[in-house]
Amino acid sequence: MQISSLTVHCASLCLDVVNGESFEKLTMAEIQSWQDELYSYIENRVEIVKCSDDKQRLFITSVRDEVLIILMLSKENLFAREPHWILEKMQRKIALSTHLYINNNAL
């Protein structure tokens, strides 16, 4: 499995959050409220690609939503805090989103 720099950034963000001392006190609503902040974080790390703004927005939203899912799963399940699992889950989502939104000319 090839690991992209965006995968590393997103996995690192997830691990920083779930290993933080205040993570246990966070509510699901608080995690979900980070949507805009996470979108900006990912947008700033996406390599410039030649695609429409709509495709890029779909790509970033898809990756952001995966980060949110990982964080919410981590509240309920300790397995979701495992670094290799997070890294693999992020890489698969980024690869799928790249295929669907960036490399797909049908959209």
PDB file of N, CA and C in Angstrom:
ATOM      1  N   MET A   1       0.843  -1.176   0.000  1.00  0.00           N
ATOM      2  CA  MET A   1       0.000   0.000   0.000  1.00  0.00           C
ATOM      3  C   MET A   1       0.889   1.240   0.000  1.00  0.00           C
ATOM      4  N   GLN A   2       0.700   2.090  -0.993  1.00  0.00           N
ATOM      5  CA  GLN A   2       1.407   3.360  -1.014  1.00  0.00           C
ATOM      6  C   GLN A   2       0.657   4.341  -0.131  1.00  0.00           C
ATOM      7  N   ILE A   3       1.414   5.094   0.637  1.00  0.00           N
ATOM      8  CA  ILE A   3       0.794   6.030   1.570  1.00  0.00           C
ATOM      9  C   ILE A   3       1.080   7.452   1.104  1.00  0.00           C
ATOM     10  N   SER A   4       0.035   8.222   0.902  1.00  0.00           N
ATOM     11  CA  SER A   4       0.182   9.599   0.447  1.00  0.00           C
ATOM     12  C   SER A   4       0.469  10.526   1.630  1.00  0.00           C
ATOM     13  N   SER A   5       0.988  11.683   1.323  1.00  0.00           N
ATOM     14  CA  SER A   5       1.255  12.662   2.393  1.00  0.00           C
ATOM     15  C   SER A   5      -0.049  13.114   3.049  1.00  0.00           C
ATOM     16  N   LEU A   6      -1.121  13.201   2.269  1.00  0.00           N
ATOM     17  CA  LEU A   6      -2.416  13.578   2.851  1.00  0.00           C
ATOM     18  C   LEU A   6      -2.886  12.519   3.849  1.00  0.00           C
ATOM     19  N   THR A   7      -2.629  11.261   3.549  1.00  0.00           N
ATOM     20  CA  THR A   7      -2.974  10.177   4.477  1.00  0.00           C
ATOM     21  C   THR A   7      -2.242  10.368   5.803  1.00  0.00           C
ATOM     22  N   VAL A   8      -0.963  10.661   5.721  1.00  0.00           N
ATOM     23  CA  VAL A   8      -0.161  10.856   6.927  1.00  0.00           C
ATOM     24  C   VAL A   8      -0.687  12.042   7.725  1.00  0.00           C
ATOM     25  N   HIS A   9      -0.988  13.145   7.048  1.00  0.00           N
ATOM     26  CA  HIS A   9      -1.515  14.326   7.744  1.00  0.00           C
ATOM     27  C   HIS A   9      -2.827  14.019   8.458  1.00  0.00           C
ATOM     28  N   CYS A  10      -3.746  13.353   7.754  1.00  0.00           N
ATOM     29  CA  CYS A  10      -5.059  13.066   8.339  1.00  0.00           C
ATOM     30  C   CYS A  10      -4.961  12.041   9.471  1.00  0.00           C
ATOM     31  N   ALA A  11      -4.146  11.018   9.275  1.00  0.00           N
ATOM     32  CA  ALA A  11      -3.974  10.014  10.330  1.00  0.00           C
ATOM     33  C   ALA A  11      -3.328  10.640  11.559  1.00  0.00           C
ATOM     34  N   SER A  12      -2.352  11.496  11.335  1.00  0.00           N
ATOM     35  CA  SER A  12      -1.685  12.183  12.446  1.00  0.00           C
ATOM     36  C   SER A  12      -2.668  13.065  13.212  1.00  0.00           C
ATOM     37  N   LEU A  13      -3.516  13.757  12.486  1.00  0.00           N
ATOM     38  CA  LEU A  13      -4.542  14.588  13.124  1.00  0.00           C
ATOM     39  C   LEU A  13      -5.452  13.723  13.991  1.00  0.00           C
ATOM     40  N   CYS A  14      -5.926  12.605  13.438  1.00  0.00           N
ATOM     41  CA  CYS A  14      -6.799  11.700  14.201  1.00  0.00           C
ATOM     42  C   CYS A  14      -6.103  11.210  15.467  1.00  0.00           C
ATOM     43  N   LEU A  15      -4.859  10.787  15.325  1.00  0.00           N
ATOM     44  CA  LEU A  15      -4.124  10.263  16.477  1.00  0.00           C
ATOM     45  C   LEU A  15      -3.866  11.344  17.523  1.00  0.00           C
ATOM     46  N   ASP A  16      -3.551  12.551  17.074  1.00  0.00           N
ATOM     47  CA  ASP A  16      -3.350  13.655  18.021  1.00  0.00           C
ATOM     48  C   ASP A  16      -4.618  13.907  18.832  1.00  0.00           C
ATOM     49  N   VAL A  17      -5.759  13.880  18.158  1.00  0.00           N
ATOM     50  CA  VAL A  17      -7.030  14.144  18.842  1.00  0.00           C
ATOM     51  C   VAL A  17      -7.372  13.010  19.808  1.00  0.00           C
ATOM     52  N   VAL A  18      -7.344  11.768  19.325  1.00  0.00           N
ATOM     53  CA  VAL A  18      -7.784  10.659  20.186  1.00  0.00           C
ATOM     54  C   VAL A  18      -6.825  10.398  21.343  1.00  0.00           C
ATOM     55  N   ASN A  19      -5.583  10.804  21.204  1.00  0.00           N
ATOM     56  CA  ASN A  19      -4.619  10.620  22.293  1.00  0.00           C
ATOM     57  C   ASN A  19      -4.520  11.828  23.213  1.00  0.00           C
ATOM     58  N   GLY A  20      -5.273  12.883  22.889  1.00  0.00           N
ATOM     59  CA  GLY A  20      -5.280  14.070  23.730  1.00  0.00           C
ATOM     60  C   GLY A  20      -6.027  13.811  25.028  1.00  0.00           C
ATOM     61  N   GLU A  21      -5.614  14.497  26.067  1.00  0.00           N
ATOM     62  CA  GLU A  21      -6.225  14.247  27.376  1.00  0.00           C
ATOM     63  C   GLU A  21      -7.685  14.686  27.456  1.00  0.00           C
ATOM     64  N   SER A  22      -8.123  15.582  26.585  1.00  0.00           N
ATOM     65  CA  SER A  22      -9.513  16.045  26.632  1.00  0.00           C
ATOM     66  C   SER A  22     -10.443  15.244  25.722  1.00  0.00           C
ATOM     67  N   PHE A  23      -9.910  14.265  24.978  1.00  0.00           N
ATOM     68  CA  PHE A  23     -10.739  13.526  24.027  1.00  0.00           C
ATOM     69  C   PHE A  23     -11.910  12.819  24.710  1.00  0.00           C
ATOM     70  N   GLU A  24     -11.667  12.224  25.849  1.00  0.00           N
ATOM     71  CA  GLU A  24     -12.728  11.469  26.529  1.00  0.00           C
ATOM     72  C   GLU A  24     -13.903  12.358  26.915  1.00  0.00           C
ATOM     73  N   LYS A  25     -13.642  13.644  27.105  1.00  0.00           N
ATOM     74  CA  LYS A  25     -14.701  14.567  27.522  1.00  0.00           C
ATOM     75  C   LYS A  25     -15.503  15.119  26.335  1.00  0.00           C
ATOM     76  N   LEU A  26     -14.984  14.950  25.118  1.00  0.00           N
ATOM     77  CA  LEU A  26     -15.676  15.472  23.940  1.00  0.00           C
ATOM     78  C   LEU A  26     -16.967  14.710  23.680  1.00  0.00           C
ATOM     79  N   THR A  27     -17.960  15.438  23.205  1.00  0.00           N
ATOM     80  CA  THR A  27     -19.214  14.804  22.791  1.00  0.00           C
ATOM     81  C   THR A  27     -19.184  14.596  21.279  1.00  0.00           C
ATOM     82  N   MET A  28     -20.071  13.761  20.792  1.00  0.00           N
ATOM     83  CA  MET A  28     -20.188  13.546  19.343  1.00  0.00           C
ATOM     84  C   MET A  28     -20.523  14.863  18.642  1.00  0.00           C
ATOM     85  N   ALA A  29     -21.389  15.651  19.254  1.00  0.00           N
ATOM     86  CA  ALA A  29     -21.774  16.939  18.659  1.00  0.00           C
ATOM     87  C   ALA A  29     -20.569  17.869  18.543  1.00  0.00           C
ATOM     88  N   GLU A  30     -19.702  17.854  19.550  1.00  0.00           N
ATOM     89  CA  GLU A  30     -18.499  18.692  19.493  1.00  0.00           C
ATOM     90  C   GLU A  30     -17.578  18.236  18.362  1.00  0.00           C
ATOM     91  N   ILE A  31     -17.433  16.939  18.204  1.00  0.00           N
ATOM     92  CA  ILE A  31     -16.606  16.421  17.111  1.00  0.00           C
ATOM     93  C   ILE A  31     -17.209  16.821  15.769  1.00  0.00           C
ATOM     94  N   GLN A  32     -18.507  16.664  15.619  1.00  0.00           N
ATOM     95  CA  GLN A  32     -19.178  17.024  14.367  1.00  0.00           C
ATOM     96  C   GLN A  32     -19.079  18.519  14.074  1.00  0.00           C
ATOM     97  N   SER A  33     -18.974  19.320  15.114  1.00  0.00           N
ATOM     98  CA  SER A  33     -18.896  20.775  14.913  1.00  0.00           C
ATOM     99  C   SER A  33     -17.562  21.203  14.300  1.00  0.00           C
ATOM    100  N   TRP A  34     -16.621  20.296  14.183  1.00  0.00           N
ATOM    101  CA  TRP A  34     -15.310  20.610  13.595  1.00  0.00           C
ATOM    102  C   TRP A  34     -15.304  20.521  12.077  1.00  0.00           C
ATOM    103  N   GLN A  35     -16.463  20.325  11.462  1.00  0.00           N
ATOM    104  CA  GLN A  35     -16.531  20.129  10.013  1.00  0.00           C
ATOM    105  C   GLN A  35     -15.781  21.205   9.229  1.00  0.00           C
ATOM    106  N   ASP A  36     -16.065  22.447   9.505  1.00  0.00           N
ATOM    107  CA  ASP A  36     -15.444  23.536   8.739  1.00  0.00           C
ATOM    108  C   ASP A  36     -13.941  23.615   8.987  1.00  0.00           C
ATOM    109  N   GLU A  37     -13.548  23.439  10.244  1.00  0.00           N
ATOM    110  CA  GLU A  37     -12.132  23.482  10.591  1.00  0.00           C
ATOM    111  C   GLU A  37     -11.358  22.343   9.917  1.00  0.00           C
ATOM    112  N   LEU A  38     -11.932  21.153   9.935  1.00  0.00           N
ATOM    113  CA  LEU A  38     -11.295  20.010   9.282  1.00  0.00           C
ATOM    114  C   LEU A  38     -11.234  20.197   7.772  1.00  0.00           C
ATOM    115  N   TYR A  39     -12.291  20.752   7.197  1.00  0.00           N
ATOM    116  CA  TYR A  39     -12.301  21.011   5.751  1.00  0.00           C
ATOM    117  C   TYR A  39     -11.132  21.920   5.384  1.00  0.00           C
ATOM    118  N   SER A  40     -10.960  22.994   6.136  1.00  0.00           N
ATOM    119  CA  SER A  40      -9.856  23.927   5.875  1.00  0.00           C
ATOM    120  C   SER A  40      -8.503  23.262   6.048  1.00  0.00           C
ATOM    121  N   TYR A  41      -8.371  22.450   7.087  1.00  0.00           N
ATOM    122  CA  TYR A  41      -7.123  21.726   7.343  1.00  0.00           C
ATOM    123  C   TYR A  41      -6.758  20.860   6.134  1.00  0.00           C
ATOM    124  N   ILE A  42      -7.733  20.107   5.643  1.00  0.00           N
ATOM    125  CA  ILE A  42      -7.488  19.212   4.509  1.00  0.00           C
ATOM    126  C   ILE A  42      -7.269  20.010   3.234  1.00  0.00           C
ATOM    127  N   GLU A  43      -8.058  21.039   3.033  1.00  0.00           N
ATOM    128  CA  GLU A  43      -7.922  21.877   1.836  1.00  0.00           C
ATOM    129  C   GLU A  43      -6.506  22.459   1.734  1.00  0.00           C
ATOM    130  N   ASN A  44      -5.937  22.839   2.862  1.00  0.00           N
ATOM    131  CA  ASN A  44      -4.591  23.406   2.872  1.00  0.00           C
ATOM    132  C   ASN A  44      -3.509  22.374   2.586  1.00  0.00           C
ATOM    133  N   ARG A  45      -3.855  21.104   2.649  1.00  0.00           N
ATOM    134  CA  ARG A  45      -2.868  20.038   2.440  1.00  0.00           C
ATOM    135  C   ARG A  45      -3.057  19.259   1.145  1.00  0.00           C
ATOM    136  N   VAL A  46      -4.116  19.574   0.433  1.00  0.00           N
ATOM    137  CA  VAL A  46      -4.364  18.896  -0.842  1.00  0.00           C
ATOM    138  C   VAL A  46      -3.414  19.469  -1.881  1.00  0.00           C
ATOM    139  N   GLU A  47      -2.711  18.564  -2.545  1.00  0.00           N
ATOM    140  CA  GLU A  47      -1.826  18.989  -3.618  1.00  0.00           C
ATOM    141  C   GLU A  47      -2.672  19.561  -4.742  1.00  0.00           C
ATOM    142  N   ILE A  48      -2.158  20.566  -5.394  1.00  0.00           N
ATOM    143  CA  ILE A  48      -2.902  21.205  -6.472  1.00  0.00           C
ATOM    144  C   ILE A  48      -3.093  20.197  -7.609  1.00  0.00           C
ATOM    145  N   VAL A  49      -4.348  19.986  -7.949  1.00  0.00           N
ATOM    146  CA  VAL A  49      -4.685  19.074  -9.033  1.00  0.00           C
ATOM    147  C   VAL A  49      -5.527  19.825 -10.047  1.00  0.00           C
ATOM    148  N   LYS A  50      -5.451  19.373 -11.282  1.00  0.00           N
ATOM    149  CA  LYS A  50      -6.230  20.011 -12.343  1.00  0.00           C
ATOM    150  C   LYS A  50      -7.601  19.358 -12.406  1.00  0.00           C
ATOM    151  N   CYS A  51      -8.524  19.955 -11.697  1.00  0.00           N
ATOM    152  CA  CYS A  51      -9.905  19.485 -11.730  1.00  0.00           C
ATOM    153  C   CYS A  51     -10.792  20.668 -11.364  1.00  0.00           C
ATOM    154  N   SER A  52     -12.078  20.490 -11.556  1.00  0.00           N
ATOM    155  CA  SER A  52     -13.008  21.578 -11.260  1.00  0.00           C
ATOM    156  C   SER A  52     -13.094  21.818  -9.749  1.00  0.00           C
ATOM    157  N   ASP A  53     -13.548  22.992  -9.410  1.00  0.00           N
ATOM    158  CA  ASP A  53     -13.738  23.317  -7.991  1.00  0.00           C
ATOM    159  C   ASP A  53     -14.745  22.373  -7.346  1.00  0.00           C
ATOM    160  N   ASP A  54     -15.775  21.985  -8.107  1.00  0.00           N
ATOM    161  CA  ASP A  54     -16.785  21.068  -7.578  1.00  0.00           C
ATOM    162  C   ASP A  54     -16.181  19.709  -7.242  1.00  0.00           C
ATOM    163  N   LYS A  55     -15.335  19.194  -8.122  1.00  0.00           N
ATOM    164  CA  LYS A  55     -14.690  17.900  -7.867  1.00  0.00           C
ATOM    165  C   LYS A  55     -13.768  17.985  -6.659  1.00  0.00           C
ATOM    166  N   GLN A  56     -13.033  19.088  -6.569  1.00  0.00           N
ATOM    167  CA  GLN A  56     -12.127  19.236  -5.429  1.00  0.00           C
ATOM    168  C   GLN A  56     -12.917  19.342  -4.133  1.00  0.00           C
ATOM    169  N   ARG A  57     -14.035  20.045  -4.169  1.00  0.00           N
ATOM    170  CA  ARG A  57     -14.882  20.175  -2.979  1.00  0.00           C
ATOM    171  C   ARG A  57     -15.435  18.807  -2.557  1.00  0.00           C
ATOM    172  N   LEU A  58     -15.872  18.000  -3.523  1.00  0.00           N
ATOM    173  CA  LEU A  58     -16.360  16.654  -3.216  1.00  0.00           C
ATOM    174  C   LEU A  58     -15.251  15.793  -2.612  1.00  0.00           C
ATOM    175  N   PHE A  59     -14.053  15.886  -3.169  1.00  0.00           N
ATOM    176  CA  PHE A  59     -12.915  15.128  -2.669  1.00  0.00           C
ATOM    177  C   PHE A  59     -12.601  15.511  -1.223  1.00  0.00           C
ATOM    178  N   ILE A  60     -12.471  16.790  -0.964  1.00  0.00           N
ATOM    179  CA  ILE A  60     -12.130  17.266   0.378  1.00  0.00           C
ATOM    180  C   ILE A  60     -13.222  16.897   1.379  1.00  0.00           C
ATOM    181  N   THR A  61     -14.470  17.049   0.979  1.00  0.00           N
ATOM    182  CA  THR A  61     -15.589  16.700   1.864  1.00  0.00           C
ATOM    183  C   THR A  61     -15.564  15.209   2.203  1.00  0.00           C
ATOM    184  N   SER A  62     -15.278  14.374   1.219  1.00  0.00           N
ATOM    185  CA  SER A  62     -15.210  12.934   1.450  1.00  0.00           C
ATOM    186  C   SER A  62     -14.105  12.574   2.444  1.00  0.00           C
ATOM    187  N   VAL A  63     -12.945  13.171   2.274  1.00  0.00           N
ATOM    188  CA  VAL A  63     -11.823  12.908   3.186  1.00  0.00           C
ATOM    189  C   VAL A  63     -12.139  13.447   4.577  1.00  0.00           C
ATOM    190  N   ARG A  64     -12.691  14.645   4.639  1.00  0.00           N
ATOM    191  CA  ARG A  64     -13.068  15.234   5.927  1.00  0.00           C
ATOM    192  C   ARG A  64     -14.063  14.354   6.672  1.00  0.00           C
ATOM    193  N   ASP A  65     -15.046  13.841   5.940  1.00  0.00           N
ATOM    194  CA  ASP A  65     -16.058  12.995   6.573  1.00  0.00           C
ATOM    195  C   ASP A  65     -15.446  11.711   7.124  1.00  0.00           C
ATOM    196  N   GLU A  66     -14.416  11.197   6.456  1.00  0.00           N
ATOM    197  CA  GLU A  66     -13.738   9.999   6.959  1.00  0.00           C
ATOM    198  C   GLU A  66     -13.010  10.307   8.265  1.00  0.00           C
ATOM    199  N   VAL A  67     -12.385  11.468   8.358  1.00  0.00           N
ATOM    200  CA  VAL A  67     -11.733  11.876   9.608  1.00  0.00           C
ATOM    201  C   VAL A  67     -12.776  11.940  10.722  1.00  0.00           C
ATOM    202  N   LEU A  68     -13.917  12.545  10.433  1.00  0.00           N
ATOM    203  CA  LEU A  68     -14.981  12.644  11.438  1.00  0.00           C
ATOM    204  C   LEU A  68     -15.471  11.258  11.864  1.00  0.00           C
ATOM    205  N   ILE A  69     -15.639  10.360  10.913  1.00  0.00           N
ATOM    206  CA  ILE A  69     -16.088   8.998  11.233  1.00  0.00           C
ATOM    207  C   ILE A  69     -15.080   8.307  12.141  1.00  0.00           C
ATOM    208  N   ILE A  70     -13.808   8.424  11.811  1.00  0.00           N
ATOM    209  CA  ILE A  70     -12.763   7.804  12.644  1.00  0.00           C
ATOM    210  C   ILE A  70     -12.809   8.368  14.058  1.00  0.00           C
ATOM    211  N   LEU A  71     -12.928   9.676  14.185  1.00  0.00           N
ATOM    212  CA  LEU A  71     -12.963  10.288  15.511  1.00  0.00           C
ATOM    213  C   LEU A  71     -14.193   9.835  16.300  1.00  0.00           C
ATOM    214  N   MET A  72     -15.329   9.750  15.632  1.00  0.00           N
ATOM    215  CA  MET A  72     -16.538   9.314  16.335  1.00  0.00           C
ATOM    216  C   MET A  72     -16.474   7.830  16.699  1.00  0.00           C
ATOM    217  N   LEU A  73     -15.938   7.014  15.793  1.00  0.00           N
ATOM    218  CA  LEU A  73     -15.758   5.594  16.126  1.00  0.00           C
ATOM    219  C   LEU A  73     -14.808   5.425  17.305  1.00  0.00           C
ATOM    220  N   SER A  74     -13.818   6.285  17.375  1.00  0.00           N
ATOM    221  CA  SER A  74     -12.829   6.206  18.452  1.00  0.00           C
ATOM    222  C   SER A  74     -13.422   6.507  19.819  1.00  0.00           C
ATOM    223  N   LYS A  75     -14.530   7.215  19.846  1.00  0.00           N
ATOM    224  CA  LYS A  75     -15.208   7.484  21.119  1.00  0.00           C
ATOM    225  C   LYS A  75     -15.799   6.201  21.694  1.00  0.00           C
ATOM    226  N   GLU A  76     -16.250   5.313  20.815  1.00  0.00           N
ATOM    227  CA  GLU A  76     -16.966   4.114  21.235  1.00  0.00           C
ATOM    228  C   GLU A  76     -16.121   2.842  21.231  1.00  0.00           C
ATOM    229  N   ASN A  77     -15.092   2.811  20.403  1.00  0.00           N
ATOM    230  CA  ASN A  77     -14.333   1.582  20.195  1.00  0.00           C
ATOM    231  C   ASN A  77     -12.835   1.838  20.265  1.00  0.00           C
ATOM    232  N   LEU A  78     -12.176   1.146  21.166  1.00  0.00           N
ATOM    233  CA  LEU A  78     -10.729   1.331  21.307  1.00  0.00           C
ATOM    234  C   LEU A  78      -9.965   0.884  20.061  1.00  0.00           C
ATOM    235  N   PHE A  79     -10.491  -0.100  19.310  1.00  0.00           N
ATOM    236  CA  PHE A  79      -9.791  -0.555  18.104  1.00  0.00           C
ATOM    237  C   PHE A  79      -9.638   0.575  17.095  1.00  0.00           C
ATOM    238  N   ALA A  80     -10.561   1.521  17.122  1.00  0.00           N
ATOM    239  CA  ALA A  80     -10.523   2.634  16.159  1.00  0.00           C
ATOM    240  C   ALA A  80      -9.424   3.644  16.482  1.00  0.00           C
ATOM    241  N   ARG A  81      -8.708   3.425  17.561  1.00  0.00           N
ATOM    242  CA  ARG A  81      -7.594   4.304  17.931  1.00  0.00           C
ATOM    243  C   ARG A  81      -6.248   3.708  17.526  1.00  0.00           C
ATOM    244  N   GLU A  82      -6.276   2.542  16.910  1.00  0.00           N
ATOM    245  CA  GLU A  82      -5.063   1.834  16.529  1.00  0.00           C
ATOM    246  C   GLU A  82      -4.438   2.522  15.309  1.00  0.00           C
ATOM    247  N   PRO A  83      -3.183   2.960  15.396  1.00  0.00           N
ATOM    248  CA  PRO A  83      -2.561   3.747  14.320  1.00  0.00           C
ATOM    249  C   PRO A  83      -2.586   3.073  12.944  1.00  0.00           C
ATOM    250  N   HIS A  84      -2.284   1.795  12.870  1.00  0.00           N
ATOM    251  CA  HIS A  84      -2.261   1.124  11.571  1.00  0.00           C
ATOM    252  C   HIS A  84      -3.656   1.110  10.951  1.00  0.00           C
ATOM    253  N   TRP A  85      -4.679   0.862  11.766  1.00  0.00           N
ATOM    254  CA  TRP A  85      -6.056   0.860  11.271  1.00  0.00           C
ATOM    255  C   TRP A  85      -6.437   2.240  10.737  1.00  0.00           C
ATOM    256  N   ILE A  86      -6.095   3.286  11.477  1.00  0.00           N
ATOM    257  CA  ILE A  86      -6.413   4.655  11.051  1.00  0.00           C
ATOM    258  C   ILE A  86      -5.700   4.969   9.742  1.00  0.00           C
ATOM    259  N   LEU A  87      -4.431   4.651   9.666  1.00  0.00           N
ATOM    260  CA  LEU A  87      -3.644   4.907   8.459  1.00  0.00           C
ATOM    261  C   LEU A  87      -4.237   4.179   7.250  1.00  0.00           C
ATOM    262  N   GLU A  88      -4.570   2.913   7.431  1.00  0.00           N
ATOM    263  CA  GLU A  88      -5.138   2.128   6.335  1.00  0.00           C
ATOM    264  C   GLU A  88      -6.506   2.658   5.915  1.00  0.00           C
ATOM    265  N   LYS A  89      -7.339   2.997   6.884  1.00  0.00           N
ATOM    266  CA  LYS A  89      -8.680   3.513   6.582  1.00  0.00           C
ATOM    267  C   LYS A  89      -8.604   4.843   5.833  1.00  0.00           C
ATOM    268  N   MET A  90      -7.696   5.715   6.251  1.00  0.00           N
ATOM    269  CA  MET A  90      -7.537   6.998   5.564  1.00  0.00           C
ATOM    270  C   MET A  90      -6.996   6.793   4.146  1.00  0.00           C
ATOM    271  N   GLN A  91      -6.015   5.926   3.981  1.00  0.00           N
ATOM    272  CA  GLN A  91      -5.444   5.714   2.658  1.00  0.00           C
ATOM    273  C   GLN A  91      -6.481   5.150   1.693  1.00  0.00           C
ATOM    274  N   ARG A  92      -7.278   4.213   2.164  1.00  0.00           N
ATOM    275  CA  ARG A  92      -8.314   3.642   1.294  1.00  0.00           C
ATOM    276  C   ARG A  92      -9.345   4.690   0.893  1.00  0.00           C
ATOM    277  N   LYS A  93      -9.746   5.536   1.839  1.00  0.00           N
ATOM    278  CA  LYS A  93     -10.725   6.577   1.526  1.00  0.00           C
ATOM    279  C   LYS A  93     -10.148   7.595   0.549  1.00  0.00           C
ATOM    280  N   ILE A  94      -8.898   7.973   0.756  1.00  0.00           N
ATOM    281  CA  ILE A  94      -8.269   8.950  -0.141  1.00  0.00           C
ATOM    282  C   ILE A  94      -8.103   8.358  -1.543  1.00  0.00           C
ATOM    283  N   ALA A  95      -7.709   7.094  -1.628  1.00  0.00           N
ATOM    284  CA  ALA A  95      -7.566   6.442  -2.936  1.00  0.00           C
ATOM    285  C   ALA A  95      -8.917   6.358  -3.645  1.00  0.00           C
ATOM    286  N   LEU A  96      -9.954   5.948  -2.919  1.00  0.00           N
ATOM    287  CA  LEU A  96     -11.292   5.854  -3.501  1.00  0.00           C
ATOM    288  C   LEU A  96     -11.791   7.233  -3.933  1.00  0.00           C
ATOM    289  N   SER A  97     -11.618   8.228  -3.088  1.00  0.00           N
ATOM    290  CA  SER A  97     -12.083   9.580  -3.399  1.00  0.00           C
ATOM    291  C   SER A  97     -11.321  10.169  -4.587  1.00  0.00           C
ATOM    292  N   THR A  98     -10.038   9.863  -4.677  1.00  0.00           N
ATOM    293  CA  THR A  98      -9.249  10.318  -5.824  1.00  0.00           C
ATOM    294  C   THR A  98      -9.806   9.702  -7.097  1.00  0.00           C
ATOM    295  N   HIS A  99     -10.088   8.414  -7.052  1.00  0.00           N
ATOM    296  CA  HIS A  99     -10.647   7.732  -8.222  1.00  0.00           C
ATOM    297  C   HIS A  99     -12.022   8.306  -8.591  1.00  0.00           C
ATOM    298  N   LEU A 100     -12.876   8.480  -7.603  1.00  0.00           N
ATOM    299  CA  LEU A 100     -14.242   8.939  -7.870  1.00  0.00           C
ATOM    300  C   LEU A 100     -14.330  10.398  -8.306  1.00  0.00           C
ATOM    301  N   TYR A 101     -13.560  11.258  -7.652  1.00  0.00           N
ATOM    302  CA  TYR A 101     -13.759  12.697  -7.855  1.00  0.00           C
ATOM    303  C   TYR A 101     -12.668  13.382  -8.666  1.00  0.00           C
ATOM    304  N   ILE A 102     -11.453  12.895  -8.610  1.00  0.00           N
ATOM    305  CA  ILE A 102     -10.362  13.581  -9.298  1.00  0.00           C
ATOM    306  C   ILE A 102     -10.075  12.945 -10.654  1.00  0.00           C
ATOM    307  N   ASN A 103      -9.967  11.622 -10.692  1.00  0.00           N
ATOM    308  CA  ASN A 103      -9.580  10.931 -11.929  1.00  0.00           C
ATOM    309  C   ASN A 103     -10.752  10.508 -12.784  1.00  0.00           C
ATOM    310  N   ASN A 104     -11.967  10.702 -12.318  1.00  0.00           N
ATOM    311  CA  ASN A 104     -13.156  10.268 -13.033  1.00  0.00           C
ATOM    312  C   ASN A 104     -13.687  11.419 -13.884  1.00  0.00           C
ATOM    313  N   ASN A 105     -13.660  11.232 -15.186  1.00  0.00           N
ATOM    314  CA  ASN A 105     -14.137  12.291 -16.094  1.00  0.00           C
ATOM    315  C   ASN A 105     -15.643  12.295 -16.268  1.00  0.00           C
ATOM    316  N   ALA A 106     -16.338  11.321 -15.680  1.00  0.00           N
ATOM    317  CA  ALA A 106     -17.788  11.242 -15.839  1.00  0.00           C
ATOM    318  C   ALA A 106     -18.520  12.307 -15.033  1.00  0.00           C
ATOM    319  N   LEU A 107     -17.873  12.852 -13.993  1.00  0.00           N
ATOM    320  CA  LEU A 107     -18.562  13.859 -13.160  1.00  0.00           C
ATOM    321  C   LEU A 107     -18.537  15.209 -13.810  1.00  0.00           C
TER     322      LEU A 107
END
